[in-house]
């Protein structure tokens, strides 16, 4: 039975999200803070680290 194209695309791109979530758990740099700017800073830092690792 052939797989529908949309289901195949979903599974293909979901794999990348799962890998990114897996790396996110290893490189979690956020500390407990209550300022909005620091939450954004740590989110950007985590995203930058993971994207740099994925590109290397």
PDB file of N, CA and C in Angstrom:
ATOM      1  N   UNK A   1       0.861  -1.173   0.000  1.00  0.00           N
ATOM      2  CA  UNK A   1       0.000   0.000   0.000  1.00  0.00           C
ATOM      3  C   UNK A   1       0.908   1.236   0.000  1.00  0.00           C
ATOM      4  N   UNK A   2       0.770   2.103  -0.982  1.00  0.00           N
ATOM      5  CA  UNK A   2       1.622   3.296  -1.029  1.00  0.00           C
ATOM      6  C   UNK A   2       1.239   4.309   0.060  1.00  0.00           C
ATOM      7  N   UNK A   3       2.238   4.997   0.554  1.00  0.00           N
ATOM      8  CA  UNK A   3       2.033   6.014   1.583  1.00  0.00           C
ATOM      9  C   UNK A   3       1.604   7.317   0.905  1.00  0.00           C
ATOM     10  N   UNK A   4       0.573   7.996   1.424  1.00  0.00           N
ATOM     11  CA  UNK A   4       0.197   9.292   0.856  1.00  0.00           C
ATOM     12  C   UNK A   4       1.356  10.291   0.976  1.00  0.00           C
ATOM     13  N   UNK A   5       1.502  11.130   0.000  1.00  0.00           N
ATOM     14  CA  UNK A   5       2.611  12.076  -0.048  1.00  0.00           C
ATOM     15  C   UNK A   5       2.630  12.998   1.164  1.00  0.00           C
ATOM     16  N   UNK A   6       1.479  13.466   1.599  1.00  0.00           N
ATOM     17  CA  UNK A   6       1.439  14.386   2.736  1.00  0.00           C
ATOM     18  C   UNK A   6       1.887  13.691   4.023  1.00  0.00           C
ATOM     19  N   UNK A   7       1.550  12.423   4.200  1.00  0.00           N
ATOM     20  CA  UNK A   7       1.989  11.685   5.384  1.00  0.00           C
ATOM     21  C   UNK A   7       3.491  11.445   5.335  1.00  0.00           C
ATOM     22  N   UNK A   8       4.005  11.166   4.159  1.00  0.00           N
ATOM     23  CA  UNK A   8       5.438  10.954   4.011  1.00  0.00           C
ATOM     24  C   UNK A   8       6.215  12.244   4.300  1.00  0.00           C
ATOM     25  N   UNK A   9       5.732  13.373   3.791  1.00  0.00           N
ATOM     26  CA  UNK A   9       6.379  14.658   4.060  1.00  0.00           C
ATOM     27  C   UNK A   9       6.339  14.998   5.547  1.00  0.00           C
ATOM     28  N   UNK A  10       5.207  14.766   6.188  1.00  0.00           N
ATOM     29  CA  UNK A  10       5.087  15.048   7.620  1.00  0.00           C
ATOM     30  C   UNK A  10       6.108  14.240   8.412  1.00  0.00           C
ATOM     31  N   UNK A  11       6.201  12.955   8.139  1.00  0.00           N
ATOM     32  CA  UNK A  11       7.144  12.109   8.862  1.00  0.00           C
ATOM     33  C   UNK A  11       8.586  12.513   8.589  1.00  0.00           C
ATOM     34  N   UNK A  12       8.894  12.918   7.369  1.00  0.00           N
ATOM     35  CA  UNK A  12      10.254  13.323   7.017  1.00  0.00           C
ATOM     36  C   UNK A  12      10.667  14.582   7.785  1.00  0.00           C
ATOM     37  N   UNK A  13       9.811  15.601   7.817  1.00  0.00           N
ATOM     38  CA  UNK A  13      10.164  16.853   8.477  1.00  0.00           C
ATOM     39  C   UNK A  13      10.005  16.774   9.989  1.00  0.00           C
ATOM     40  N   UNK A  14       9.162  15.912  10.483  1.00  0.00           N
ATOM     41  CA  UNK A  14       9.014  15.730  11.928  1.00  0.00           C
ATOM     42  C   UNK A  14      10.280  15.135  12.523  1.00  0.00           C
ATOM     43  N   UNK A  15      10.995  14.323  11.739  1.00  0.00           N
ATOM     44  CA  UNK A  15      12.238  13.736  12.220  1.00  0.00           C
ATOM     45  C   UNK A  15      13.237  14.834  12.585  1.00  0.00           C
ATOM     46  N   UNK A  16      13.319  15.899  11.805  1.00  0.00           N
ATOM     47  CA  UNK A  16      14.212  17.009  12.114  1.00  0.00           C
ATOM     48  C   UNK A  16      13.836  17.708  13.404  1.00  0.00           C
ATOM     49  N   UNK A  17      12.548  17.831  13.664  1.00  0.00           N
ATOM     50  CA  UNK A  17      12.084  18.443  14.905  1.00  0.00           C
ATOM     51  C   UNK A  17      12.456  17.562  16.090  1.00  0.00           C
ATOM     52  N   UNK A  18      12.308  16.258  15.958  1.00  0.00           N
ATOM     53  CA  UNK A  18      12.666  15.347  17.038  1.00  0.00           C
ATOM     54  C   UNK A  18      14.154  15.409  17.350  1.00  0.00           C
ATOM     55  N   UNK A  19      14.983  15.500  16.329  1.00  0.00           N
ATOM     56  CA  UNK A  19      16.428  15.587  16.544  1.00  0.00           C
ATOM     57  C   UNK A  19      16.778  16.898  17.240  1.00  0.00           C
ATOM     58  N   UNK A  20      16.146  17.996  16.822  1.00  0.00           N
ATOM     59  CA  UNK A  20      16.397  19.284  17.457  1.00  0.00           C
ATOM     60  C   UNK A  20      15.956  19.266  18.911  1.00  0.00           C
ATOM     61  N   UNK A  21      14.816  18.677  19.221  1.00  0.00           N
ATOM     62  CA  UNK A  21      14.367  18.552  20.610  1.00  0.00           C
ATOM     63  C   UNK A  21      15.330  17.703  21.425  1.00  0.00           C
ATOM     64  N   UNK A  22      15.882  16.681  20.818  1.00  0.00           N
ATOM     65  CA  UNK A  22      16.852  15.821  21.498  1.00  0.00           C
ATOM     66  C   UNK A  22      18.105  16.619  21.857  1.00  0.00           C
ATOM     67  N   UNK A  23      18.633  17.391  20.919  1.00  0.00           N
ATOM     68  CA  UNK A  23      19.807  18.218  21.195  1.00  0.00           C
ATOM     69  C   UNK A  23      19.489  19.305  22.203  1.00  0.00           C
ATOM     70  N   UNK A  24      18.282  19.841  22.155  1.00  0.00           N
ATOM     71  CA  UNK A  24      17.872  20.892  23.090  1.00  0.00           C
ATOM     72  C   UNK A  24      17.981  20.390  24.531  1.00  0.00           C
ATOM     73  N   UNK A  25      17.660  19.137  24.773  1.00  0.00           N
ATOM     74  CA  UNK A  25      17.735  18.600  26.130  1.00  0.00           C
ATOM     75  C   UNK A  25      19.173  18.498  26.623  1.00  0.00           C
ATOM     76  N   UNK A  26      20.136  18.364  25.711  1.00  0.00           N
ATOM     77  CA  UNK A  26      21.543  18.290  26.110  1.00  0.00           C
ATOM     78  C   UNK A  26      22.156  19.659  26.354  1.00  0.00           C
ATOM     79  N   UNK A  27      21.747  20.673  25.618  1.00  0.00           N
ATOM     80  CA  UNK A  27      22.364  21.989  25.681  1.00  0.00           C
ATOM     81  C   UNK A  27      21.439  23.013  26.308  1.00  0.00           C
ATOM     82  N   UNK A  28      20.777  22.651  27.371  1.00  0.00           N
ATOM     83  CA  UNK A  28      19.836  23.549  28.030  1.00  0.00           C
ATOM     84  C   UNK A  28      20.617  24.513  28.915  1.00  0.00           C
ATOM     85  N   UNK A  29      20.616  25.804  28.581  1.00  0.00           N
ATOM     86  CA  UNK A  29      21.412  26.789  29.315  1.00  0.00           C
ATOM     87  C   UNK A  29      20.574  27.737  30.155  1.00  0.00           C
ATOM     88  N   UNK A  30      19.276  27.581  30.150  1.00  0.00           N
ATOM     89  CA  UNK A  30      18.411  28.532  30.840  1.00  0.00           C
ATOM     90  C   UNK A  30      18.520  28.359  32.349  1.00  0.00           C
ATOM     91  N   UNK A  31      18.590  29.471  33.036  1.00  0.00           N
ATOM     92  CA  UNK A  31      18.578  29.482  34.489  1.00  0.00           C
ATOM     93  C   UNK A  31      17.242  30.060  34.937  1.00  0.00           C
ATOM     94  N   UNK A  32      16.919  29.886  36.196  1.00  0.00           N
ATOM     95  CA  UNK A  32      15.656  30.406  36.699  1.00  0.00           C
ATOM     96  C   UNK A  32      15.740  31.931  36.766  1.00  0.00           C
ATOM     97  N   UNK A  33      14.871  32.590  36.039  1.00  0.00           N
ATOM     98  CA  UNK A  33      14.874  34.046  36.001  1.00  0.00           C
ATOM     99  C   UNK A  33      13.443  34.544  35.807  1.00  0.00           C
ATOM    100  N   UNK A  34      13.259  35.786  36.131  1.00  0.00           N
ATOM    101  CA  UNK A  34      11.915  36.347  36.075  1.00  0.00           C
ATOM    102  C   UNK A  34      11.792  37.534  35.125  1.00  0.00           C
ATOM    103  N   UNK A  35      12.881  37.928  34.478  1.00  0.00           N
ATOM    104  CA  UNK A  35      12.808  39.017  33.510  1.00  0.00           C
ATOM    105  C   UNK A  35      12.544  38.442  32.131  1.00  0.00           C
ATOM    106  N   UNK A  36      11.695  39.122  31.374  1.00  0.00           N
ATOM    107  CA  UNK A  36      11.358  38.650  30.036  1.00  0.00           C
ATOM    108  C   UNK A  36      12.549  38.684  29.102  1.00  0.00           C
ATOM    109  N   UNK A  37      13.392  39.712  29.217  1.00  0.00           N
ATOM    110  CA  UNK A  37      14.522  39.821  28.301  1.00  0.00           C
ATOM    111  C   UNK A  37      15.502  38.678  28.501  1.00  0.00           C
ATOM    112  N   UNK A  38      15.679  38.215  29.727  1.00  0.00           N
ATOM    113  CA  UNK A  38      16.633  37.124  29.949  1.00  0.00           C
ATOM    114  C   UNK A  38      16.077  35.795  29.435  1.00  0.00           C
ATOM    115  N   UNK A  39      14.765  35.604  29.497  1.00  0.00           N
ATOM    116  CA  UNK A  39      14.176  34.400  28.922  1.00  0.00           C
ATOM    117  C   UNK A  39      14.390  34.359  27.415  1.00  0.00           C
ATOM    118  N   UNK A  40      14.207  35.509  26.776  1.00  0.00           N
ATOM    119  CA  UNK A  40      14.426  35.590  25.331  1.00  0.00           C
ATOM    120  C   UNK A  40      15.895  35.369  25.011  1.00  0.00           C
ATOM    121  N   UNK A  41      16.787  35.950  25.817  1.00  0.00           N
ATOM    122  CA  UNK A  41      18.221  35.776  25.588  1.00  0.00           C
ATOM    123  C   UNK A  41      18.618  34.304  25.668  1.00  0.00           C
ATOM    124  N   UNK A  42      18.185  33.597  26.693  1.00  0.00           N
ATOM    125  CA  UNK A  42      18.558  32.191  26.838  1.00  0.00           C
ATOM    126  C   UNK A  42      17.915  31.317  25.764  1.00  0.00           C
ATOM    127  N   UNK A  43      16.705  31.660  25.329  1.00  0.00           N
ATOM    128  CA  UNK A  43      16.090  30.917  24.228  1.00  0.00           C
ATOM    129  C   UNK A  43      16.901  31.100  22.951  1.00  0.00           C
ATOM    130  N   UNK A  44      17.317  32.343  22.668  1.00  0.00           N
ATOM    131  CA  UNK A  44      18.146  32.605  21.491  1.00  0.00           C
ATOM    132  C   UNK A  44      19.500  31.912  21.597  1.00  0.00           C
ATOM    133  N   UNK A  45      20.082  31.893  22.786  1.00  0.00           N
ATOM    134  CA  UNK A  45      21.360  31.213  22.989  1.00  0.00           C
ATOM    135  C   UNK A  45      21.226  29.719  22.723  1.00  0.00           C
ATOM    136  N   UNK A  46      20.202  29.098  23.273  1.00  0.00           N
ATOM    137  CA  UNK A  46      19.973  27.665  23.036  1.00  0.00           C
ATOM    138  C   UNK A  46      19.756  27.374  21.560  1.00  0.00           C
ATOM    139  N   UNK A  47      18.942  28.180  20.911  1.00  0.00           N
ATOM    140  CA  UNK A  47      18.655  27.969  19.497  1.00  0.00           C
ATOM    141  C   UNK A  47      19.908  28.145  18.652  1.00  0.00           C
ATOM    142  N   UNK A  48      20.737  29.124  18.976  1.00  0.00           N
ATOM    143  CA  UNK A  48      21.973  29.357  18.239  1.00  0.00           C
ATOM    144  C   UNK A  48      22.938  28.193  18.400  1.00  0.00           C
ATOM    145  N   UNK A  49      23.079  27.676  19.596  1.00  0.00           N
ATOM    146  CA  UNK A  49      23.977  26.542  19.837  1.00  0.00           C
ATOM    147  C   UNK A  49      23.521  25.320  19.051  1.00  0.00           C
ATOM    148  N   UNK A  50      22.247  25.028  19.095  1.00  0.00           N
ATOM    149  CA  UNK A  50      21.728  23.837  18.411  1.00  0.00           C
ATOM    150  C   UNK A  50      21.828  23.991  16.900  1.00  0.00           C
ATOM    151  N   UNK A  51      21.507  25.171  16.380  1.00  0.00           N
ATOM    152  CA  UNK A  51      21.612  25.377  14.938  1.00  0.00           C
ATOM    153  C   UNK A  51      23.056  25.310  14.467  1.00  0.00           C
ATOM    154  N   UNK A  52      23.988  25.837  15.251  1.00  0.00           N
ATOM    155  CA  UNK A  52      25.403  25.754  14.881  1.00  0.00           C
ATOM    156  C   UNK A  52      25.866  24.302  14.882  1.00  0.00           C
ATOM    157  N   UNK A  53      25.410  23.535  15.846  1.00  0.00           N
ATOM    158  CA  UNK A  53      25.779  22.116  15.893  1.00  0.00           C
ATOM    159  C   UNK A  53      25.189  21.359  14.707  1.00  0.00           C
ATOM    160  N   UNK A  54      23.956  21.658  14.347  1.00  0.00           N
ATOM    161  CA  UNK A  54      23.323  20.992  13.203  1.00  0.00           C
ATOM    162  C   UNK A  54      24.013  21.343  11.894  1.00  0.00           C
ATOM    163  N   UNK A  55      24.525  22.562  11.770  1.00  0.00           N
ATOM    164  CA  UNK A  55      25.198  22.974  10.543  1.00  0.00           C
ATOM    165  C   UNK A  55      26.613  22.413  10.425  1.00  0.00           C
ATOM    166  N   UNK A  56      27.213  22.074  11.552  1.00  0.00           N
ATOM    167  CA  UNK A  56      28.597  21.570  11.495  1.00  0.00           C
ATOM    168  C   UNK A  56      28.668  20.121  11.088  1.00  0.00           C
TER     169      UNK A  56
END
